[in-house]
Amino acid sequence: MSVLFVEYPKCTTCRRAKKFLQENNVEFIDRHIAEENPSKEELKTWLDKSGLKINKFFNTSGVLYREMQLKDKVKTLPEDELLDILATNGMLVKRPILVKEDTVLVGFKEEEWVENLKK
């Protein structure tokens, strides 16, 4: 079983997550989020599979997030518009993202990844 690992290589959390995958012999396809930004359709699919609210997909600690003053917009804009915004720049998207057939994990919480990779 191969999973999609969406990361930004300079991100320390992404590096920890990648090391975790390698140490646990998880086959994965590596994707650089800034070079290959997720499309609106991908983001919508991931959102649905994750069961999360769309605000969890935003990289709230990113410079771009602050520059675009998204903090309040995320609370009020419709999901469709927020997906459009996320699809414009990979640096707006929280990472790492692990995409399995039936599950999408956003951010790296080791316990959650262990649990989901057993399935």
C-alpha atoms as a PDB file:
ATOM      1  CA  MET A   1       0.000   0.000   0.000  1.00  0.00           C
ATOM      2  CA  SER A   2       1.445   3.312  -1.086  1.00  0.00           C
ATOM      3  CA  VAL A   3       0.231   6.606   0.335  1.00  0.00           C
ATOM      4  CA  LEU A   4       0.610  10.175  -0.871  1.00  0.00           C
ATOM      5  CA  PHE A   5       2.781  12.320   1.372  1.00  0.00           C
ATOM      6  CA  VAL A   6       2.351  16.029   0.683  1.00  0.00           C
ATOM      7  CA  GLU A   7       5.075  18.100   2.302  1.00  0.00           C
ATOM      8  CA  TYR A   8       7.212  21.202   2.285  1.00  0.00           C
ATOM      9  CA  PRO A   9      10.793  19.878   2.658  1.00  0.00           C
ATOM     10  CA  LYS A  10      12.023  22.822   4.767  1.00  0.00           C
ATOM     11  CA  CYS A  11       9.230  22.299   7.313  1.00  0.00           C
ATOM     12  CA  THR A  12      10.555  20.570  10.448  1.00  0.00           C
ATOM     13  CA  THR A  13       7.223  18.859  11.149  1.00  0.00           C
ATOM     14  CA  CYS A  14       7.230  17.504   7.590  1.00  0.00           C
ATOM     15  CA  ARG A  15      10.765  16.195   8.080  1.00  0.00           C
ATOM     16  CA  ARG A  16       9.714  14.429  11.291  1.00  0.00           C
ATOM     17  CA  ALA A  17       6.712  12.916   9.520  1.00  0.00           C
ATOM     18  CA  LYS A  18       8.839  11.739   6.589  1.00  0.00           C
ATOM     19  CA  LYS A  19      11.360  10.159   8.960  1.00  0.00           C
ATOM     20  CA  PHE A  20       8.464   8.430  10.734  1.00  0.00           C
ATOM     21  CA  LEU A  21       7.216   6.984   7.419  1.00  0.00           C
ATOM     22  CA  GLN A  22      10.707   5.798   6.481  1.00  0.00           C
ATOM     23  CA  GLU A  23      11.375   4.230   9.894  1.00  0.00           C
ATOM     24  CA  ASN A  24       8.051   2.389   9.708  1.00  0.00           C
ATOM     25  CA  ASN A  25       8.678   1.160   6.156  1.00  0.00           C
ATOM     26  CA  VAL A  26       5.636   2.917   4.749  1.00  0.00           C
ATOM     27  CA  GLU A  27       5.759   3.224   0.981  1.00  0.00           C
ATOM     28  CA  PHE A  28       4.852   6.728  -0.067  1.00  0.00           C
ATOM     29  CA  ILE A  29       4.788   9.063  -3.019  1.00  0.00           C
ATOM     30  CA  ASP A  30       6.496  12.296  -2.031  1.00  0.00           C
ATOM     31  CA  ARG A  31       4.999  15.562  -3.268  1.00  0.00           C
ATOM     32  CA  HIS A  32       6.420  19.042  -2.730  1.00  0.00           C
ATOM     33  CA  ILE A  33       3.421  21.233  -1.893  1.00  0.00           C
ATOM     34  CA  ALA A  34       4.947  24.497  -3.154  1.00  0.00           C
ATOM     35  CA  GLU A  35       6.019  23.019  -6.494  1.00  0.00           C
ATOM     36  CA  GLU A  36       2.847  21.037  -7.064  1.00  0.00           C
ATOM     37  CA  ASN A  37       0.026  22.884  -5.364  1.00  0.00           C
ATOM     38  CA  PRO A  38      -3.098  20.827  -4.646  1.00  0.00           C
ATOM     39  CA  SER A  39      -5.955  21.621  -7.012  1.00  0.00           C
ATOM     40  CA  LYS A  40      -9.354  22.745  -5.799  1.00  0.00           C
ATOM     41  CA  GLU A  41     -10.769  19.308  -6.711  1.00  0.00           C
ATOM     42  CA  GLU A  42      -8.035  17.502  -4.741  1.00  0.00           C
ATOM     43  CA  LEU A  43      -8.560  19.751  -1.747  1.00  0.00           C
ATOM     44  CA  LYS A  44     -12.329  19.149  -1.842  1.00  0.00           C
ATOM     45  CA  THR A  45     -11.790  15.368  -1.951  1.00  0.00           C
ATOM     46  CA  TRP A  46      -9.241  15.530   0.876  1.00  0.00           C
ATOM     47  CA  LEU A  47     -11.566  17.715   2.924  1.00  0.00           C
ATOM     48  CA  ASP A  48     -14.411  15.226   2.534  1.00  0.00           C
ATOM     49  CA  LYS A  49     -12.206  12.215   3.375  1.00  0.00           C
ATOM     50  CA  SER A  50     -10.619  13.915   6.375  1.00  0.00           C
ATOM     51  CA  GLY A  51     -13.878  14.723   8.128  1.00  0.00           C
ATOM     52  CA  LEU A  52     -12.295  18.012   9.215  1.00  0.00           C
ATOM     53  CA  LYS A  53     -13.608  21.540   8.897  1.00  0.00           C
ATOM     54  CA  ILE A  54     -11.984  23.550   6.125  1.00  0.00           C
ATOM     55  CA  ASN A  55     -10.221  25.900   8.555  1.00  0.00           C
ATOM     56  CA  LYS A  56      -8.027  22.931   9.610  1.00  0.00           C
ATOM     57  CA  PHE A  57      -6.535  22.920   6.101  1.00  0.00           C
ATOM     58  CA  PHE A  58      -5.072  26.421   6.472  1.00  0.00           C
ATOM     59  CA  ASN A  59      -1.467  26.930   7.512  1.00  0.00           C
ATOM     60  CA  THR A  60      -2.326  29.503  10.179  1.00  0.00           C
ATOM     61  CA  SER A  61       1.303  30.037  11.177  1.00  0.00           C
ATOM     62  CA  GLY A  62       2.359  30.923   7.633  1.00  0.00           C
ATOM     63  CA  VAL A  63       3.450  34.390   6.549  1.00  0.00           C
ATOM     64  CA  LEU A  64       1.102  34.358   3.562  1.00  0.00           C
ATOM     65  CA  TYR A  65      -1.887  33.528   5.791  1.00  0.00           C
ATOM     66  CA  ARG A  66      -1.144  36.617   7.883  1.00  0.00           C
ATOM     67  CA  GLU A  67      -0.362  38.823   4.876  1.00  0.00           C
ATOM     68  CA  MET A  68      -3.687  37.912   3.277  1.00  0.00           C
ATOM     69  CA  GLN A  69      -5.448  38.535   6.613  1.00  0.00           C
ATOM     70  CA  LEU A  70      -7.276  35.225   6.362  1.00  0.00           C
ATOM     71  CA  LYS A  71      -7.963  34.780  10.077  1.00  0.00           C
ATOM     72  CA  ASP A  72     -11.429  36.355   9.912  1.00  0.00           C
ATOM     73  CA  LYS A  73     -12.167  35.398   6.303  1.00  0.00           C
ATOM     74  CA  VAL A  74     -11.793  31.695   7.152  1.00  0.00           C
ATOM     75  CA  LYS A  75     -14.671  32.077   9.615  1.00  0.00           C
ATOM     76  CA  THR A  76     -17.055  33.817   7.206  1.00  0.00           C
ATOM     77  CA  LEU A  77     -16.351  32.886   3.574  1.00  0.00           C
ATOM     78  CA  PRO A  78     -18.212  29.951   1.992  1.00  0.00           C
ATOM     79  CA  GLU A  79     -16.297  26.672   1.658  1.00  0.00           C
ATOM     80  CA  ASP A  80     -16.126  26.992  -2.128  1.00  0.00           C
ATOM     81  CA  GLU A  81     -14.312  30.343  -1.907  1.00  0.00           C
ATOM     82  CA  LEU A  82     -11.951  29.024   0.754  1.00  0.00           C
ATOM     83  CA  LEU A  83     -11.069  26.076  -1.492  1.00  0.00           C
ATOM     84  CA  ASP A  84     -10.310  28.573  -4.280  1.00  0.00           C
ATOM     85  CA  ILE A  85      -7.967  30.463  -1.933  1.00  0.00           C
ATOM     86  CA  LEU A  86      -6.189  27.276  -0.796  1.00  0.00           C
ATOM     87  CA  ALA A  87      -5.706  26.179  -4.404  1.00  0.00           C
ATOM     88  CA  THR A  88      -3.818  29.379  -5.261  1.00  0.00           C
ATOM     89  CA  ASN A  89      -0.699  28.648  -3.213  1.00  0.00           C
ATOM     90  CA  GLY A  90       0.603  25.515  -1.485  1.00  0.00           C
ATOM     91  CA  MET A  91       2.106  27.637   1.279  1.00  0.00           C
ATOM     92  CA  LEU A  92      -1.431  28.391   2.506  1.00  0.00           C
ATOM     93  CA  VAL A  93      -2.122  24.693   3.077  1.00  0.00           C
ATOM     94  CA  LYS A  94      -1.343  23.047   6.409  1.00  0.00           C
ATOM     95  CA  ARG A  95       1.141  20.248   6.064  1.00  0.00           C
ATOM     96  CA  PRO A  96       2.162  17.524   6.036  1.00  0.00           C
ATOM     97  CA  ILE A  97      -0.825  15.785   4.505  1.00  0.00           C
ATOM     98  CA  LEU A  98      -1.057  12.028   4.319  1.00  0.00           C
ATOM     99  CA  VAL A  99      -3.538  10.731   1.762  1.00  0.00           C
ATOM    100  CA  LYS A 100      -4.695   7.133   1.894  1.00  0.00           C
ATOM    101  CA  GLU A 101      -7.491   5.575  -0.106  1.00  0.00           C
ATOM    102  CA  ASP A 102     -10.124   6.264   2.542  1.00  0.00           C
ATOM    103  CA  THR A 103      -8.416   8.674   4.961  1.00  0.00           C
ATOM    104  CA  VAL A 104      -6.664  12.028   4.901  1.00  0.00           C
ATOM    105  CA  LEU A 105      -4.543  13.218   7.822  1.00  0.00           C
ATOM    106  CA  VAL A 106      -3.568  16.885   8.103  1.00  0.00           C
ATOM    107  CA  GLY A 107      -0.611  17.814  10.272  1.00  0.00           C
ATOM    108  CA  PHE A 108       1.590  15.278  12.031  1.00  0.00           C
ATOM    109  CA  LYS A 109       0.385  13.683  15.239  1.00  0.00           C
ATOM    110  CA  GLU A 110       2.379  10.472  15.568  1.00  0.00           C
ATOM    111  CA  GLU A 111      -0.304   8.542  17.494  1.00  0.00           C
ATOM    112  CA  GLU A 112      -2.918   9.401  14.865  1.00  0.00           C
ATOM    113  CA  TRP A 113      -0.602   8.330  12.041  1.00  0.00           C
ATOM    114  CA  VAL A 114       0.291   5.042  13.786  1.00  0.00           C
ATOM    115  CA  GLU A 115      -3.400   4.279  14.249  1.00  0.00           C
ATOM    116  CA  ASN A 116      -4.337   5.100  10.668  1.00  0.00           C
ATOM    117  CA  LEU A 117      -1.412   3.325   9.035  1.00  0.00           C
ATOM    118  CA  LYS A 118      -2.318   0.058  10.777  1.00  0.00           C
ATOM    119  CA  LYS A 119      -5.632  -0.058   8.927  1.00  0.00           C
END
